């Protein structure tokens, strides 16, 4: 079956199409891709998704699925000051 894998790391944007056996999990496809070793990164602190929805590494994939490996969160939204947007003066 055909699936794809998308990842942004630093200034690199990677999107790979892969042919994998039926019944593969998210984790198996990530491992088969070799992307983590290639970029010398791990999955610690990262979430994964399928077509923009959070997924588990154990989720089984279907034909045409796109796995996305998200960047780690670097700031806690609850503690970051809100940025004010300047308003136009009349």
PDB file of N, CA and C in Angstrom:
ATOM      1  N   UNK A   1       0.852  -1.174   0.000  1.00  0.00           N
ATOM      2  CA  UNK A   1       0.000   0.000   0.000  1.00  0.00           C
ATOM      3  C   UNK A   1       0.889   1.225   0.000  1.00  0.00           C
ATOM      4  N   UNK A   2       0.389   2.333  -0.503  1.00  0.00           N
ATOM      5  CA  UNK A   2       1.150   3.571  -0.597  1.00  0.00           C
ATOM      6  C   UNK A   2       0.752   4.520   0.522  1.00  0.00           C
ATOM      7  N   UNK A   3       1.759   5.036   1.223  1.00  0.00           N
ATOM      8  CA  UNK A   3       1.564   6.035   2.268  1.00  0.00           C
ATOM      9  C   UNK A   3       2.640   7.098   2.076  1.00  0.00           C
ATOM     10  N   UNK A   4       2.546   8.184   2.818  1.00  0.00           N
ATOM     11  CA  UNK A   4       3.589   9.202   2.762  1.00  0.00           C
ATOM     12  C   UNK A   4       3.938   9.640   4.177  1.00  0.00           C
ATOM     13  N   UNK A   5       5.099  10.266   4.293  1.00  0.00           N
ATOM     14  CA  UNK A   5       5.624  10.701   5.579  1.00  0.00           C
ATOM     15  C   UNK A   5       6.084  12.135   5.426  1.00  0.00           C
ATOM     16  N   UNK A   6       5.614  13.013   6.318  1.00  0.00           N
ATOM     17  CA  UNK A   6       5.981  14.424   6.256  1.00  0.00           C
ATOM     18  C   UNK A   6       6.610  14.857   7.577  1.00  0.00           C
ATOM     19  N   UNK A   7       7.656  15.675   7.468  1.00  0.00           N
ATOM     20  CA  UNK A   7       8.388  16.139   8.646  1.00  0.00           C
ATOM     21  C   UNK A   7       9.057  17.455   8.308  1.00  0.00           C
ATOM     22  N   UNK A   8       9.020  18.401   9.254  1.00  0.00           N
ATOM     23  CA  UNK A   8       9.783  19.632   9.139  1.00  0.00           C
ATOM     24  C   UNK A   8      10.772  19.646  10.288  1.00  0.00           C
ATOM     25  N   UNK A   9      12.034  19.769   9.965  1.00  0.00           N
ATOM     26  CA  UNK A   9      13.086  19.806  10.983  1.00  0.00           C
ATOM     27  C   UNK A   9      14.043  20.929  10.607  1.00  0.00           C
ATOM     28  N   UNK A  10      14.071  21.976  11.453  1.00  0.00           N
ATOM     29  CA  UNK A  10      14.888  23.145  11.124  1.00  0.00           C
ATOM     30  C   UNK A  10      14.377  23.760   9.839  1.00  0.00           C
ATOM     31  N   UNK A  11      15.268  23.927   8.873  1.00  0.00           N
ATOM     32  CA  UNK A  11      14.860  24.505   7.592  1.00  0.00           C
ATOM     33  C   UNK A  11      14.537  23.429   6.553  1.00  0.00           C
ATOM     34  N   UNK A  12      14.614  22.164   6.948  1.00  0.00           N
ATOM     35  CA  UNK A  12      14.333  21.063   6.018  1.00  0.00           C
ATOM     36  C   UNK A  12      12.869  20.667   6.077  1.00  0.00           C
ATOM     37  N   UNK A  13      12.274  20.547   4.900  1.00  0.00           N
ATOM     38  CA  UNK A  13      10.922  20.016   4.778  1.00  0.00           C
ATOM     39  C   UNK A  13      11.028  18.719   3.999  1.00  0.00           C
ATOM     40  N   UNK A  14      10.575  17.639   4.597  1.00  0.00           N
ATOM     41  CA  UNK A  14      10.723  16.332   3.973  1.00  0.00           C
ATOM     42  C   UNK A  14       9.349  15.710   3.777  1.00  0.00           C
ATOM     43  N   UNK A  15       9.125  15.209   2.584  1.00  0.00           N
ATOM     44  CA  UNK A  15       7.894  14.484   2.286  1.00  0.00           C
ATOM     45  C   UNK A  15       8.292  13.285   1.440  1.00  0.00           C
ATOM     46  N   UNK A  16       8.057  12.107   1.964  1.00  0.00           N
ATOM     47  CA  UNK A  16       8.436  10.879   1.274  1.00  0.00           C
ATOM     48  C   UNK A  16       7.215  10.021   0.998  1.00  0.00           C
ATOM     49  N   UNK A  17       7.153   9.531  -0.210  1.00  0.00           N
ATOM     50  CA  UNK A  17       6.137   8.528  -0.556  1.00  0.00           C
ATOM     51  C   UNK A  17       6.794   7.174  -0.369  1.00  0.00           C
ATOM     52  N   UNK A  18       6.047   6.253   0.226  1.00  0.00           N
ATOM     53  CA  UNK A  18       6.591   4.927   0.500  1.00  0.00           C
ATOM     54  C   UNK A  18       5.566   3.860   0.157  1.00  0.00           C
ATOM     55  N   UNK A  19       6.058   2.729  -0.275  1.00  0.00           N
ATOM     56  CA  UNK A  19       5.211   1.557  -0.456  1.00  0.00           C
ATOM     57  C   UNK A  19       5.538   0.610   0.694  1.00  0.00           C
ATOM     58  N   UNK A  20       4.501   0.271   1.469  1.00  0.00           N
ATOM     59  CA  UNK A  20       4.685  -0.550   2.669  1.00  0.00           C
ATOM     60  C   UNK A  20       3.672  -1.690   2.669  1.00  0.00           C
ATOM     61  N   UNK A  21       3.940  -2.745   3.451  1.00  0.00           N
ATOM     62  CA  UNK A  21       2.982  -3.854   3.525  1.00  0.00           C
ATOM     63  C   UNK A  21       1.667  -3.432   4.191  1.00  0.00           C
ATOM     64  N   UNK A  22       0.593  -4.085   3.826  1.00  0.00           N
ATOM     65  CA  UNK A  22      -0.715  -3.854   4.463  1.00  0.00           C
ATOM     66  C   UNK A  22      -0.583  -4.082   5.965  1.00  0.00           C
ATOM     67  N   UNK A  23      -1.324  -3.324   6.756  1.00  0.00           N
ATOM     68  CA  UNK A  23      -1.366  -3.527   8.197  1.00  0.00           C
ATOM     69  C   UNK A  23      -0.225  -2.892   8.959  1.00  0.00           C
ATOM     70  N   UNK A  24       0.601  -2.089   8.300  1.00  0.00           N
ATOM     71  CA  UNK A  24       1.712  -1.420   8.993  1.00  0.00           C
ATOM     72  C   UNK A  24       1.179  -0.379   9.972  1.00  0.00           C
ATOM     73  N   UNK A  25       1.938  -0.177  11.039  1.00  0.00           N
ATOM     74  CA  UNK A  25       1.599   0.854  12.011  1.00  0.00           C
ATOM     75  C   UNK A  25       2.405   2.120  11.712  1.00  0.00           C
ATOM     76  N   UNK A  26       2.012   3.197  12.334  1.00  0.00           N
ATOM     77  CA  UNK A  26       2.731   4.465  12.203  1.00  0.00           C
ATOM     78  C   UNK A  26       4.197   4.254  12.580  1.00  0.00           C
ATOM     79  N   UNK A  27       4.432   3.617  13.708  1.00  0.00           N
ATOM     80  CA  UNK A  27       5.802   3.394  14.174  1.00  0.00           C
ATOM     81  C   UNK A  27       6.624   2.574  13.178  1.00  0.00           C
ATOM     82  N   UNK A  28       6.030   1.541  12.609  1.00  0.00           N
ATOM     83  CA  UNK A  28       6.753   0.702  11.655  1.00  0.00           C
ATOM     84  C   UNK A  28       7.176   1.502  10.422  1.00  0.00           C
ATOM     85  N   UNK A  29       6.293   2.352   9.916  1.00  0.00           N
ATOM     86  CA  UNK A  29       6.617   3.145   8.727  1.00  0.00           C
ATOM     87  C   UNK A  29       7.708   4.169   9.053  1.00  0.00           C
ATOM     88  N   UNK A  30       7.616   4.812  10.213  1.00  0.00           N
ATOM     89  CA  UNK A  30       8.661   5.761  10.596  1.00  0.00           C
ATOM     90  C   UNK A  30      10.003   5.035  10.673  1.00  0.00           C
ATOM     91  N   UNK A  31      10.015   3.862  11.268  1.00  0.00           N
ATOM     92  CA  UNK A  31      11.251   3.079  11.383  1.00  0.00           C
ATOM     93  C   UNK A  31      11.768   2.681  10.000  1.00  0.00           C
ATOM     94  N   UNK A  32      10.883   2.182   9.129  1.00  0.00           N
ATOM     95  CA  UNK A  32      11.282   1.772   7.782  1.00  0.00           C
ATOM     96  C   UNK A  32      11.839   2.931   6.965  1.00  0.00           C
ATOM     97  N   UNK A  33      11.324   4.142   7.211  1.00  0.00           N
ATOM     98  CA  UNK A  33      11.760   5.301   6.424  1.00  0.00           C
ATOM     99  C   UNK A  33      13.210   5.684   6.708  1.00  0.00           C
ATOM    100  N   UNK A  34      13.690   5.392   7.920  1.00  0.00           N
ATOM    101  CA  UNK A  34      15.045   5.769   8.296  1.00  0.00           C
ATOM    102  C   UNK A  34      15.230   7.252   8.556  1.00  0.00           C
ATOM    103  N   UNK A  35      14.130   8.006   8.579  1.00  0.00           N
ATOM    104  CA  UNK A  35      14.203   9.463   8.710  1.00  0.00           C
ATOM    105  C   UNK A  35      14.795   9.916  10.041  1.00  0.00           C
ATOM    106  N   UNK A  36      14.487   9.205  11.121  1.00  0.00           N
ATOM    107  CA  UNK A  36      14.994   9.620  12.431  1.00  0.00           C
ATOM    108  C   UNK A  36      16.514   9.496  12.487  1.00  0.00           C
ATOM    109  N   UNK A  37      17.035   8.409  11.954  1.00  0.00           N
ATOM    110  CA  UNK A  37      18.482   8.221  11.926  1.00  0.00           C
ATOM    111  C   UNK A  37      19.143   9.229  10.983  1.00  0.00           C
ATOM    112  N   UNK A  38      18.518   9.458   9.835  1.00  0.00           N
ATOM    113  CA  UNK A  38      19.062  10.380   8.842  1.00  0.00           C
ATOM    114  C   UNK A  38      19.234  11.786   9.415  1.00  0.00           C
ATOM    115  N   UNK A  39      18.255  12.227  10.184  1.00  0.00           N
ATOM    116  CA  UNK A  39      18.294  13.578  10.747  1.00  0.00           C
ATOM    117  C   UNK A  39      18.856  13.604  12.165  1.00  0.00           C
ATOM    118  N   UNK A  40      19.193  12.435  12.698  1.00  0.00           N
ATOM    119  CA  UNK A  40      19.718  12.307  14.069  1.00  0.00           C
ATOM    120  C   UNK A  40      18.774  12.950  15.082  1.00  0.00           C
ATOM    121  N   UNK A  41      17.492  12.582  14.977  1.00  0.00           N
ATOM    122  CA  UNK A  41      16.479  13.065  15.915  1.00  0.00           C
ATOM    123  C   UNK A  41      15.735  11.877  16.495  1.00  0.00           C
ATOM    124  N   UNK A  42      14.963  12.121  17.536  1.00  0.00           N
ATOM    125  CA  UNK A  42      14.120  11.095  18.125  1.00  0.00           C
ATOM    126  C   UNK A  42      12.683  11.562  18.155  1.00  0.00           C
ATOM    127  N   UNK A  43      11.813  10.723  18.648  1.00  0.00           N
ATOM    128  CA  UNK A  43      10.398  11.089  18.756  1.00  0.00           C
ATOM    129  C   UNK A  43      10.050  11.669  20.121  1.00  0.00           C
ATOM    130  N   UNK A  44      11.023  11.732  21.038  1.00  0.00           N
ATOM    131  CA  UNK A  44      10.751  12.263  22.369  1.00  0.00           C
ATOM    132  C   UNK A  44      10.260  13.710  22.258  1.00  0.00           C
ATOM    133  N   UNK A  45       9.150  13.994  22.923  1.00  0.00           N
ATOM    134  CA  UNK A  45       8.587  15.340  22.913  1.00  0.00           C
ATOM    135  C   UNK A  45       7.827  15.686  21.643  1.00  0.00           C
ATOM    136  N   UNK A  46       7.685  14.749  20.755  1.00  0.00           N
ATOM    137  CA  UNK A  46       6.981  15.000  19.496  1.00  0.00           C
ATOM    138  C   UNK A  46       5.667  14.227  19.465  1.00  0.00           C
ATOM    139  N   UNK A  47       4.739  14.761  18.743  1.00  0.00           N
ATOM    140  CA  UNK A  47       3.472  14.084  18.474  1.00  0.00           C
ATOM    141  C   UNK A  47       3.503  13.628  17.023  1.00  0.00           C
ATOM    142  N   UNK A  48       2.681  12.663  16.703  1.00  0.00           N
ATOM    143  CA  UNK A  48       2.514  12.234  15.318  1.00  0.00           C
ATOM    144  C   UNK A  48       1.042  12.338  14.954  1.00  0.00           C
ATOM    145  N   UNK A  49       0.795  12.455  13.680  1.00  0.00           N
ATOM    146  CA  UNK A  49      -0.578  12.548  13.214  1.00  0.00           C
ATOM    147  C   UNK A  49      -0.752  11.856  11.883  1.00  0.00           C
ATOM    148  N   UNK A  50      -2.000  11.668  11.518  1.00  0.00           N
ATOM    149  CA  UNK A  50      -2.372  11.148  10.215  1.00  0.00           C
ATOM    150  C   UNK A  50      -3.353  12.145   9.620  1.00  0.00           C
ATOM    151  N   UNK A  51      -2.971  12.741   8.519  1.00  0.00           N
ATOM    152  CA  UNK A  51      -3.803  13.752   7.840  1.00  0.00           C
ATOM    153  C   UNK A  51      -4.250  14.864   8.799  1.00  0.00           C
ATOM    154  N   UNK A  52      -3.336  15.361   9.640  1.00  0.00           N
ATOM    155  CA  UNK A  52      -3.642  16.499  10.502  1.00  0.00           C
ATOM    156  C   UNK A  52      -4.348  16.175  11.796  1.00  0.00           C
ATOM    157  N   UNK A  53      -4.572  14.911  12.090  1.00  0.00           N
ATOM    158  CA  UNK A  53      -5.204  14.508  13.350  1.00  0.00           C
ATOM    159  C   UNK A  53      -4.211  13.706  14.170  1.00  0.00           C
ATOM    160  N   UNK A  54      -4.147  14.002  15.459  1.00  0.00           N
ATOM    161  CA  UNK A  54      -3.208  13.285  16.314  1.00  0.00           C
ATOM    162  C   UNK A  54      -3.444  11.783  16.227  1.00  0.00           C
ATOM    163  N   UNK A  55      -2.345  11.036  16.245  1.00  0.00           N
ATOM    164  CA  UNK A  55      -2.418   9.584  16.142  1.00  0.00           C
ATOM    165  C   UNK A  55      -1.452   8.970  17.144  1.00  0.00           C
ATOM    166  N   UNK A  56      -1.604   7.685  17.341  1.00  0.00           N
ATOM    167  CA  UNK A  56      -0.699   6.919  18.196  1.00  0.00           C
ATOM    168  C   UNK A  56       0.283   6.177  17.304  1.00  0.00           C
ATOM    169  N   UNK A  57       1.458   5.885  17.834  1.00  0.00           N
ATOM    170  CA  UNK A  57       2.449   5.127  17.072  1.00  0.00           C
ATOM    171  C   UNK A  57       1.944   3.741  16.709  1.00  0.00           C
ATOM    172  N   UNK A  58       0.992   3.230  17.481  1.00  0.00           N
ATOM    173  CA  UNK A  58       0.452   1.885  17.240  1.00  0.00           C
ATOM    174  C   UNK A  58      -0.721   1.865  16.265  1.00  0.00           C
ATOM    175  N   UNK A  59      -1.154   3.037  15.784  1.00  0.00           N
ATOM    176  CA  UNK A  59      -2.286   3.076  14.847  1.00  0.00           C
ATOM    177  C   UNK A  59      -1.927   2.409  13.523  1.00  0.00           C
ATOM    178  N   UNK A  60      -2.868   1.639  12.996  1.00  0.00           N
ATOM    179  CA  UNK A  60      -2.687   0.957  11.712  1.00  0.00           C
ATOM    180  C   UNK A  60      -3.045   1.913  10.585  1.00  0.00           C
ATOM    181  N   UNK A  61      -2.248   1.877   9.532  1.00  0.00           N
ATOM    182  CA  UNK A  61      -2.437   2.791   8.404  1.00  0.00           C
ATOM    183  C   UNK A  61      -3.296   2.177   7.316  1.00  0.00           C
ATOM    184  N   UNK A  62      -3.877   3.087   6.506  1.00  0.00           N
ATOM    185  CA  UNK A  62      -4.662   2.679   5.346  1.00  0.00           C
ATOM    186  C   UNK A  62      -3.999   3.260   4.094  1.00  0.00           C
ATOM    187  N   UNK A  63      -4.353   2.728   2.957  1.00  0.00           N
ATOM    188  CA  UNK A  63      -3.863   3.221   1.671  1.00  0.00           C
ATOM    189  C   UNK A  63      -4.027   4.741   1.588  1.00  0.00           C
ATOM    190  N   UNK A  64      -2.967   5.428   1.209  1.00  0.00           N
ATOM    191  CA  UNK A  64      -3.023   6.870   0.996  1.00  0.00           C
ATOM    192  C   UNK A  64      -2.824   7.718   2.237  1.00  0.00           C
ATOM    193  N   UNK A  65      -2.661   7.107   3.410  1.00  0.00           N
ATOM    194  CA  UNK A  65      -2.467   7.892   4.636  1.00  0.00           C
ATOM    195  C   UNK A  65      -1.165   8.692   4.572  1.00  0.00           C
ATOM    196  N   UNK A  66      -1.180   9.858   5.203  1.00  0.00           N
ATOM    197  CA  UNK A  66       0.014  10.702   5.325  1.00  0.00           C
ATOM    198  C   UNK A  66       0.360  10.810   6.801  1.00  0.00           C
ATOM    199  N   UNK A  67       1.506  10.288   7.181  1.00  0.00           N
ATOM    200  CA  UNK A  67       1.988  10.402   8.554  1.00  0.00           C
ATOM    201  C   UNK A  67       2.703  11.740   8.674  1.00  0.00           C
ATOM    202  N   UNK A  68       2.419  12.443   9.749  1.00  0.00           N
ATOM    203  CA  UNK A  68       3.083  13.720  10.011  1.00  0.00           C
ATOM    204  C   UNK A  68       3.786  13.625  11.359  1.00  0.00           C
ATOM    205  N   UNK A  69       5.041  14.012  11.395  1.00  0.00           N
ATOM    206  CA  UNK A  69       5.796  14.074  12.643  1.00  0.00           C
ATOM    207  C   UNK A  69       5.909  15.549  12.985  1.00  0.00           C
ATOM    208  N   UNK A  70       5.309  15.927  14.114  1.00  0.00           N
ATOM    209  CA  UNK A  70       5.244  17.338  14.491  1.00  0.00           C
ATOM    210  C   UNK A  70       6.459  17.753  15.315  1.00  0.00           C
ATOM    211  N   UNK A  71       6.810  19.020  15.214  1.00  0.00           N
ATOM    212  CA  UNK A  71       7.913  19.563  16.005  1.00  0.00           C
ATOM    213  C   UNK A  71       7.529  19.577  17.476  1.00  0.00           C
ATOM    214  N   UNK A  72       8.541  19.497  18.357  1.00  0.00           N
ATOM    215  CA  UNK A  72       8.235  19.603  19.793  1.00  0.00           C
ATOM    216  C   UNK A  72       7.746  21.005  20.127  1.00  0.00           C
ATOM    217  N   UNK A  73       6.898  21.097  21.123  1.00  0.00           N
ATOM    218  CA  UNK A  73       6.435  22.403  21.598  1.00  0.00           C
ATOM    219  C   UNK A  73       7.578  23.023  22.382  1.00  0.00           C
ATOM    220  N   UNK A  74       7.939  24.253  22.043  1.00  0.00           N
ATOM    221  CA  UNK A  74       9.064  24.908  22.713  1.00  0.00           C
ATOM    222  C   UNK A  74       8.621  25.948  23.729  1.00  0.00           C
ATOM    223  N   UNK A  75       7.352  26.291  23.738  1.00  0.00           N
ATOM    224  CA  UNK A  75       6.848  27.263  24.705  1.00  0.00           C
ATOM    225  C   UNK A  75       5.477  26.818  25.183  1.00  0.00           C
ATOM    226  N   UNK A  76       5.206  27.004  26.466  1.00  0.00           N
ATOM    227  CA  UNK A  76       3.909  26.647  27.027  1.00  0.00           C
ATOM    228  C   UNK A  76       2.926  27.773  26.733  1.00  0.00           C
ATOM    229  N   UNK A  77       1.916  27.516  25.906  1.00  0.00           N
ATOM    230  CA  UNK A  77       0.972  28.571  25.547  1.00  0.00           C
ATOM    231  C   UNK A  77       0.285  29.200  26.761  1.00  0.00           C
ATOM    232  N   UNK A  78       0.163  28.469  27.848  1.00  0.00           N
ATOM    233  CA  UNK A  78      -0.505  29.007  29.038  1.00  0.00           C
ATOM    234  C   UNK A  78       0.359  30.038  29.761  1.00  0.00           C
ATOM    235  N   UNK A  79       1.658  29.994  29.554  1.00  0.00           N
ATOM    236  CA  UNK A  79       2.536  30.915  30.274  1.00  0.00           C
ATOM    237  C   UNK A  79       3.138  32.003  29.389  1.00  0.00           C
ATOM    238  N   UNK A  80       2.960  31.899  28.086  1.00  0.00           N
ATOM    239  CA  UNK A  80       3.501  32.902  27.173  1.00  0.00           C
ATOM    240  C   UNK A  80       2.574  34.106  27.156  1.00  0.00           C
ATOM    241  N   UNK A  81       3.168  35.303  27.293  1.00  0.00           N
ATOM    242  CA  UNK A  81       2.349  36.521  27.237  1.00  0.00           C
ATOM    243  C   UNK A  81       1.689  36.632  25.873  1.00  0.00           C
ATOM    244  N   UNK A  82       0.457  37.104  25.904  1.00  0.00           N
ATOM    245  CA  UNK A  82      -0.248  37.328  24.654  1.00  0.00           C
ATOM    246  C   UNK A  82       0.407  38.471  23.903  1.00  0.00           C
ATOM    247  N   UNK A  83       0.581  38.260  22.619  1.00  0.00           N
ATOM    248  CA  UNK A  83       1.136  39.328  21.786  1.00  0.00           C
ATOM    249  C   UNK A  83       0.002  40.261  21.401  1.00  0.00           C
ATOM    250  N   UNK A  84       0.213  41.536  21.604  1.00  0.00           N
ATOM    251  CA  UNK A  84      -0.843  42.485  21.236  1.00  0.00           C
ATOM    252  C   UNK A  84      -0.687  42.852  19.781  1.00  0.00           C
ATOM    253  N   UNK A  85      -1.805  42.945  19.111  1.00  0.00           N
ATOM    254  CA  UNK A  85      -1.819  43.319  17.705  1.00  0.00           C
ATOM    255  C   UNK A  85      -2.141  44.802  17.636  1.00  0.00           C
ATOM    256  N   UNK A  86      -1.241  45.571  17.030  1.00  0.00           N
ATOM    257  CA  UNK A  86      -1.499  47.007  16.942  1.00  0.00           C
ATOM    258  C   UNK A  86      -2.778  47.284  16.163  1.00  0.00           C
ATOM    259  N   UNK A  87      -3.539  48.230  16.636  1.00  0.00           N
ATOM    260  CA  UNK A  87      -4.760  48.615  15.953  1.00  0.00           C
ATOM    261  C   UNK A  87      -4.547  49.952  15.258  1.00  0.00           C
ATOM    262  N   UNK A  88      -5.264  50.147  14.191  1.00  0.00           N
ATOM    263  CA  UNK A  88      -5.144  51.407  13.445  1.00  0.00           C
ATOM    264  C   UNK A  88      -5.810  52.532  14.230  1.00  0.00           C
ATOM    265  N   UNK A  89      -5.134  53.643  14.319  1.00  0.00           N
ATOM    266  CA  UNK A  89      -5.693  54.827  14.986  1.00  0.00           C
ATOM    267  C   UNK A  89      -6.577  55.587  13.987  1.00  0.00           C
ATOM    268  N   UNK A  90      -7.758  56.020  14.427  1.00  0.00           N
ATOM    269  CA  UNK A  90      -8.664  56.760  13.551  1.00  0.00           C
ATOM    270  C   UNK A  90      -8.326  58.222  13.556  1.00  0.00           C
TER     271      UNK A  90
END
